[in-house]
Amino acid sequence: MTADETRAAKFAQSQLDAYNARDVDAFARCYTEDVRVFRDAFGATPDMVGRSALRESYALFFREEPGVRCTLIGRQMIGNWAIDNEFVDGFRDGKTVRVTAIYGVDERGIHTVRFLRGTET
């Protein structure tokens, strides 16, 4: 792996581990102060901007969905991008969601996240 790929993989894994541990502070530290989150991977306008907004949103999510867990199916590295294929389950309503998360990373952390959501079962 290149240095960029190694860094991207490290941040992608660190945020996944913190997500599953429900450690919102460790989770937020994986992201840059100016992170942009696109819930629709092809959207032109981010749904969330900034680490503080991300932290607040995920703190609420972790409280509302205490059993949710993300399982990594596979990770592909392309330069400073980590592309994770995941199953997210443990929702209170019993659903499971297939997600592809695309993380853009630089030396500061994850600066861009784009999500592709699959079918809920």
N, C-alpha and C. Protein backbone atom coordinates (compact mmCIF):
# COMPACT_ATOMS: atom_id res chain seq x y z
N MET A 1 0.83 -1.19 0.00
CA MET A 1 0.00 0.00 0.00
C MET A 1 0.87 1.25 0.00
N THR A 2 0.38 2.30 -0.62
CA THR A 2 1.07 3.58 -0.59
C THR A 2 0.86 4.25 0.77
N ALA A 3 1.61 5.31 1.03
CA ALA A 3 1.45 6.06 2.28
C ALA A 3 0.04 6.64 2.39
N ASP A 4 -0.50 7.17 1.27
CA ASP A 4 -1.86 7.71 1.27
C ASP A 4 -2.88 6.63 1.61
N GLU A 5 -2.71 5.45 1.00
CA GLU A 5 -3.65 4.35 1.25
C GLU A 5 -3.56 3.87 2.70
N THR A 6 -2.37 3.80 3.23
CA THR A 6 -2.19 3.38 4.62
C THR A 6 -2.87 4.36 5.57
N ARG A 7 -2.68 5.66 5.33
CA ARG A 7 -3.32 6.68 6.18
C ARG A 7 -4.84 6.60 6.06
N ALA A 8 -5.36 6.47 4.85
CA ALA A 8 -6.81 6.39 4.65
C ALA A 8 -7.38 5.16 5.35
N ALA A 9 -6.69 4.03 5.24
CA ALA A 9 -7.16 2.81 5.90
C ALA A 9 -7.15 2.97 7.42
N LYS A 10 -6.13 3.63 7.94
CA LYS A 10 -6.03 3.84 9.39
C LYS A 10 -7.20 4.67 9.91
N PHE A 11 -7.50 5.79 9.24
CA PHE A 11 -8.61 6.63 9.69
C PHE A 11 -9.96 5.93 9.50
N ALA A 12 -10.14 5.23 8.39
CA ALA A 12 -11.39 4.51 8.17
C ALA A 12 -11.61 3.46 9.25
N GLN A 13 -10.55 2.72 9.60
CA GLN A 13 -10.68 1.69 10.63
C GLN A 13 -10.89 2.31 12.01
N SER A 14 -10.19 3.38 12.31
CA SER A 14 -10.32 4.03 13.61
C SER A 14 -11.74 4.55 13.83
N GLN A 15 -12.32 5.16 12.81
CA GLN A 15 -13.68 5.66 12.98
C GLN A 15 -14.67 4.51 13.10
N LEU A 16 -14.45 3.41 12.37
CA LEU A 16 -15.32 2.24 12.48
C LEU A 16 -15.25 1.64 13.88
N ASP A 17 -14.05 1.51 14.42
CA ASP A 17 -13.90 0.97 15.77
C ASP A 17 -14.59 1.85 16.80
N ALA A 18 -14.42 3.17 16.68
CA ALA A 18 -15.06 4.11 17.62
C ALA A 18 -16.58 4.08 17.47
N TYR A 19 -17.07 3.97 16.24
CA TYR A 19 -18.51 3.86 15.99
C TYR A 19 -19.08 2.66 16.73
N ASN A 20 -18.46 1.51 16.55
CA ASN A 20 -18.95 0.29 17.19
C ASN A 20 -18.79 0.31 18.70
N ALA A 21 -17.83 1.08 19.21
CA ALA A 21 -17.64 1.22 20.66
C ALA A 21 -18.54 2.31 21.25
N ARG A 22 -19.25 3.03 20.40
CA ARG A 22 -20.10 4.14 20.81
C ARG A 22 -19.31 5.26 21.49
N ASP A 23 -18.07 5.44 21.06
CA ASP A 23 -17.20 6.47 21.62
C ASP A 23 -17.25 7.67 20.68
N VAL A 24 -18.21 8.54 20.92
CA VAL A 24 -18.47 9.66 20.01
C VAL A 24 -17.28 10.62 19.93
N ASP A 25 -16.53 10.76 21.03
CA ASP A 25 -15.37 11.66 21.00
C ASP A 25 -14.26 11.08 20.13
N ALA A 26 -13.94 9.80 20.30
CA ALA A 26 -12.92 9.16 19.46
C ALA A 26 -13.38 9.13 18.01
N PHE A 27 -14.66 8.89 17.79
CA PHE A 27 -15.23 8.89 16.44
C PHE A 27 -15.02 10.25 15.78
N ALA A 28 -15.40 11.31 16.47
CA ALA A 28 -15.30 12.66 15.90
C ALA A 28 -13.85 13.06 15.64
N ARG A 29 -12.92 12.60 16.47
CA ARG A 29 -11.50 12.95 16.27
C ARG A 29 -10.93 12.39 14.97
N CYS A 30 -11.57 11.43 14.37
CA CYS A 30 -11.10 10.86 13.09
C CYS A 30 -11.39 11.79 11.92
N TYR A 31 -12.21 12.81 12.14
CA TYR A 31 -12.67 13.71 11.09
C TYR A 31 -12.02 15.08 11.23
N THR A 32 -11.89 15.77 10.11
CA THR A 32 -11.33 17.12 10.12
C THR A 32 -12.37 18.11 10.64
N GLU A 33 -11.89 19.27 11.06
CA GLU A 33 -12.80 20.32 11.55
C GLU A 33 -13.81 20.74 10.49
N ASP A 34 -13.42 20.63 9.21
CA ASP A 34 -14.28 21.08 8.11
C ASP A 34 -14.86 19.91 7.29
N VAL A 35 -14.98 18.74 7.91
CA VAL A 35 -15.49 17.57 7.20
C VAL A 35 -16.83 17.87 6.53
N ARG A 36 -17.01 17.27 5.37
CA ARG A 36 -18.28 17.39 4.62
C ARG A 36 -18.86 15.99 4.47
N VAL A 37 -20.12 15.82 4.87
CA VAL A 37 -20.79 14.52 4.82
C VAL A 37 -21.95 14.61 3.83
N PHE A 38 -21.93 13.70 2.87
CA PHE A 38 -22.97 13.61 1.84
C PHE A 38 -23.73 12.31 2.06
N ARG A 39 -24.97 12.39 2.51
CA ARG A 39 -25.76 11.17 2.71
C ARG A 39 -26.12 10.53 1.38
N ASP A 40 -26.12 11.32 0.33
CA ASP A 40 -26.30 10.83 -1.04
C ASP A 40 -24.95 11.01 -1.73
N ALA A 41 -24.31 9.91 -2.06
CA ALA A 41 -22.95 9.96 -2.60
C ALA A 41 -22.83 10.87 -3.81
N PHE A 42 -23.91 11.04 -4.55
CA PHE A 42 -23.85 11.84 -5.77
C PHE A 42 -24.37 13.25 -5.57
N GLY A 43 -24.69 13.60 -4.34
CA GLY A 43 -25.21 14.94 -4.05
C GLY A 43 -24.16 16.01 -4.23
N ALA A 44 -24.62 17.19 -4.61
CA ALA A 44 -23.72 18.31 -4.83
C ALA A 44 -23.52 19.13 -3.56
N THR A 45 -24.49 19.06 -2.64
CA THR A 45 -24.44 19.84 -1.42
C THR A 45 -24.33 18.91 -0.22
N PRO A 46 -23.37 19.14 0.66
CA PRO A 46 -23.25 18.26 1.82
C PRO A 46 -24.45 18.39 2.75
N ASP A 47 -24.79 17.28 3.40
CA ASP A 47 -25.87 17.26 4.37
C ASP A 47 -25.39 17.72 5.74
N MET A 48 -24.09 17.65 5.94
CA MET A 48 -23.51 18.04 7.22
C MET A 48 -22.11 18.59 6.95
N VAL A 49 -21.77 19.67 7.65
CA VAL A 49 -20.43 20.26 7.51
C VAL A 49 -19.87 20.52 8.90
N GLY A 50 -18.67 20.06 9.12
CA GLY A 50 -17.96 20.36 10.36
C GLY A 50 -17.99 19.23 11.38
N ARG A 51 -16.89 19.12 12.09
CA ARG A 51 -16.75 18.08 13.10
C ARG A 51 -17.78 18.23 14.21
N SER A 52 -18.07 19.45 14.64
CA SER A 52 -19.01 19.62 15.75
C SER A 52 -20.41 19.16 15.34
N ALA A 53 -20.82 19.46 14.12
CA ALA A 53 -22.12 18.99 13.63
C ALA A 53 -22.14 17.47 13.54
N LEU A 54 -21.06 16.88 13.06
CA LEU A 54 -20.96 15.43 12.97
C LEU A 54 -21.04 14.81 14.37
N ARG A 55 -20.29 15.36 15.31
CA ARG A 55 -20.30 14.83 16.67
C ARG A 55 -21.70 14.89 17.27
N GLU A 56 -22.35 16.03 17.13
CA GLU A 56 -23.70 16.20 17.68
C GLU A 56 -24.69 15.21 17.06
N SER A 57 -24.62 15.06 15.75
CA SER A 57 -25.52 14.15 15.04
C SER A 57 -25.32 12.70 15.47
N TYR A 58 -24.07 12.27 15.56
CA TYR A 58 -23.80 10.88 15.94
C TYR A 58 -24.04 10.63 17.42
N ALA A 59 -23.85 11.62 18.28
CA ALA A 59 -24.17 11.46 19.70
C ALA A 59 -25.67 11.17 19.85
N LEU A 60 -26.49 11.90 19.14
CA LEU A 60 -27.93 11.67 19.17
C LEU A 60 -28.27 10.30 18.59
N PHE A 61 -27.66 9.95 17.47
CA PHE A 61 -27.90 8.65 16.84
C PHE A 61 -27.53 7.51 17.79
N PHE A 62 -26.39 7.60 18.44
CA PHE A 62 -25.95 6.54 19.36
C PHE A 62 -26.92 6.41 20.53
N ARG A 63 -27.50 7.52 21.00
CA ARG A 63 -28.50 7.46 22.08
C ARG A 63 -29.80 6.82 21.59
N GLU A 64 -30.21 7.19 20.37
CA GLU A 64 -31.49 6.70 19.86
C GLU A 64 -31.43 5.26 19.36
N GLU A 65 -30.28 4.81 18.92
CA GLU A 65 -30.10 3.46 18.37
C GLU A 65 -28.92 2.78 19.08
N PRO A 66 -29.08 2.44 20.35
CA PRO A 66 -27.95 1.93 21.13
C PRO A 66 -27.41 0.57 20.68
N GLY A 67 -28.18 -0.18 19.91
CA GLY A 67 -27.73 -1.51 19.48
C GLY A 67 -27.12 -1.58 18.10
N VAL A 68 -27.06 -0.46 17.39
CA VAL A 68 -26.57 -0.48 16.01
C VAL A 68 -25.09 -0.80 15.98
N ARG A 69 -24.74 -1.64 15.03
CA ARG A 69 -23.35 -2.06 14.84
C ARG A 69 -23.06 -2.12 13.34
N CYS A 70 -21.86 -1.73 12.98
CA CYS A 70 -21.43 -1.75 11.59
C CYS A 70 -20.42 -2.87 11.40
N THR A 71 -20.68 -3.74 10.43
CA THR A 71 -19.78 -4.84 10.12
C THR A 71 -19.15 -4.58 8.76
N LEU A 72 -17.84 -4.52 8.73
CA LEU A 72 -17.11 -4.29 7.48
C LEU A 72 -17.11 -5.57 6.66
N ILE A 73 -17.60 -5.46 5.43
CA ILE A 73 -17.61 -6.59 4.49
C ILE A 73 -16.30 -6.60 3.70
N GLY A 74 -15.86 -5.40 3.31
CA GLY A 74 -14.63 -5.29 2.55
C GLY A 74 -14.23 -3.83 2.42
N ARG A 75 -12.94 -3.62 2.19
CA ARG A 75 -12.42 -2.26 2.04
C ARG A 75 -11.51 -2.23 0.82
N GLN A 76 -11.70 -1.22 -0.01
CA GLN A 76 -10.85 -0.99 -1.17
C GLN A 76 -10.16 0.34 -0.99
N MET A 77 -8.90 0.39 -1.33
CA MET A 77 -8.11 1.60 -1.20
C MET A 77 -7.76 2.13 -2.59
N ILE A 78 -8.00 3.43 -2.79
CA ILE A 78 -7.61 4.09 -4.03
C ILE A 78 -7.00 5.43 -3.63
N GLY A 79 -5.68 5.49 -3.62
CA GLY A 79 -5.00 6.73 -3.22
C GLY A 79 -5.39 7.11 -1.81
N ASN A 80 -5.88 8.33 -1.64
CA ASN A 80 -6.27 8.78 -0.30
C ASN A 80 -7.76 8.55 -0.02
N TRP A 81 -8.35 7.58 -0.70
CA TRP A 81 -9.76 7.23 -0.51
C TRP A 81 -9.87 5.79 0.00
N ALA A 82 -10.70 5.62 1.02
CA ALA A 82 -11.06 4.28 1.52
C ALA A 82 -12.52 4.06 1.19
N ILE A 83 -12.82 2.95 0.57
CA ILE A 83 -14.19 2.62 0.18
C ILE A 83 -14.59 1.38 0.96
N ASP A 84 -15.49 1.56 1.92
CA ASP A 84 -15.91 0.48 2.80
C ASP A 84 -17.29 -0.02 2.40
N ASN A 85 -17.43 -1.32 2.26
CA ASN A 85 -18.72 -1.96 2.08
C ASN A 85 -19.10 -2.54 3.44
N GLU A 86 -20.31 -2.22 3.90
CA GLU A 86 -20.70 -2.53 5.27
C GLU A 86 -22.14 -3.04 5.35
N PHE A 87 -22.39 -3.80 6.41
CA PHE A 87 -23.75 -4.10 6.86
C PHE A 87 -23.93 -3.36 8.17
N VAL A 88 -25.03 -2.63 8.30
CA VAL A 88 -25.35 -1.95 9.54
C VAL A 88 -26.63 -2.59 10.06
N ASP A 89 -26.55 -3.13 11.27
CA ASP A 89 -27.72 -3.78 11.84
C ASP A 89 -27.83 -3.44 13.32
N GLY A 90 -28.81 -4.04 13.99
CA GLY A 90 -29.04 -3.75 15.40
C GLY A 90 -29.97 -2.59 15.63
N PHE A 91 -30.64 -2.12 14.58
CA PHE A 91 -31.63 -1.06 14.75
C PHE A 91 -32.79 -1.58 15.60
N ARG A 92 -33.42 -0.69 16.33
CA ARG A 92 -34.54 -1.10 17.19
C ARG A 92 -35.68 -1.72 16.40
N ASP A 93 -35.84 -1.33 15.13
CA ASP A 93 -36.92 -1.91 14.32
C ASP A 93 -36.51 -3.20 13.62
N GLY A 94 -35.28 -3.66 13.88
CA GLY A 94 -34.82 -4.93 13.33
C GLY A 94 -34.25 -4.89 11.93
N LYS A 95 -34.19 -3.73 11.32
CA LYS A 95 -33.70 -3.65 9.93
C LYS A 95 -32.19 -3.81 9.86
N THR A 96 -31.73 -4.20 8.69
CA THR A 96 -30.32 -4.25 8.33
C THR A 96 -30.17 -3.44 7.05
N VAL A 97 -29.11 -2.65 6.97
CA VAL A 97 -28.89 -1.79 5.81
C VAL A 97 -27.51 -2.09 5.23
N ARG A 98 -27.45 -2.21 3.93
CA ARG A 98 -26.17 -2.35 3.23
C ARG A 98 -25.73 -0.95 2.85
N VAL A 99 -24.49 -0.60 3.18
CA VAL A 99 -23.97 0.75 2.95
C VAL A 99 -22.59 0.66 2.33
N THR A 100 -22.31 1.56 1.39
CA THR A 100 -20.95 1.81 0.94
C THR A 100 -20.60 3.21 1.41
N ALA A 101 -19.52 3.31 2.17
CA ALA A 101 -19.05 4.59 2.67
C ALA A 101 -17.71 4.90 2.00
N ILE A 102 -17.62 6.09 1.45
CA ILE A 102 -16.42 6.51 0.74
C ILE A 102 -15.79 7.65 1.53
N TYR A 103 -14.58 7.40 2.03
CA TYR A 103 -13.89 8.34 2.91
C TYR A 103 -12.70 8.98 2.19
N GLY A 104 -12.72 10.30 2.06
CA GLY A 104 -11.57 11.04 1.57
C GLY A 104 -10.73 11.48 2.75
N VAL A 105 -9.43 11.20 2.70
CA VAL A 105 -8.57 11.40 3.87
C VAL A 105 -7.34 12.21 3.48
N ASP A 106 -6.92 13.09 4.38
CA ASP A 106 -5.61 13.72 4.26
C ASP A 106 -4.90 13.57 5.60
N GLU A 107 -3.79 14.27 5.80
CA GLU A 107 -3.01 14.09 7.02
C GLU A 107 -3.76 14.51 8.28
N ARG A 108 -4.81 15.33 8.13
CA ARG A 108 -5.59 15.80 9.28
C ARG A 108 -6.66 14.80 9.71
N GLY A 109 -7.10 13.95 8.78
CA GLY A 109 -8.18 13.00 9.06
C GLY A 109 -9.11 12.88 7.87
N ILE A 110 -10.32 12.42 8.14
CA ILE A 110 -11.34 12.25 7.10
C ILE A 110 -11.97 13.61 6.81
N HIS A 111 -11.84 14.05 5.56
CA HIS A 111 -12.37 15.37 5.19
C HIS A 111 -13.66 15.28 4.39
N THR A 112 -13.96 14.13 3.81
CA THR A 112 -15.16 13.95 3.01
C THR A 112 -15.71 12.55 3.23
N VAL A 113 -17.02 12.45 3.39
CA VAL A 113 -17.68 11.14 3.46
C VAL A 113 -18.86 11.18 2.50
N ARG A 114 -18.96 10.15 1.68
CA ARG A 114 -20.09 9.99 0.77
C ARG A 114 -20.67 8.60 1.00
N PHE A 115 -22.00 8.54 1.19
CA PHE A 115 -22.68 7.27 1.47
C PHE A 115 -23.55 6.84 0.30
N LEU A 116 -23.48 5.56 0.01
CA LEU A 116 -24.42 4.89 -0.89
C LEU A 116 -25.20 3.90 -0.01
N ARG A 117 -26.48 4.08 0.09
CA ARG A 117 -27.30 3.18 0.92
C ARG A 117 -27.98 2.17 0.01
N GLY A 118 -27.88 0.94 0.43
CA GLY A 118 -28.53 -0.14 -0.31
C GLY A 118 -29.91 -0.43 0.26
N THR A 119 -30.39 -1.58 -0.07
CA THR A 119 -31.71 -2.01 0.36
C THR A 119 -31.74 -2.33 1.84
N GLU A 120 -32.81 -1.94 2.48
CA GLU A 120 -33.02 -2.29 3.88
C GLU A 120 -33.77 -3.61 3.93
N THR A 121 -33.38 -4.47 4.83
CA THR A 121 -34.09 -5.74 5.00
C THR A 121 -34.56 -5.88 6.43
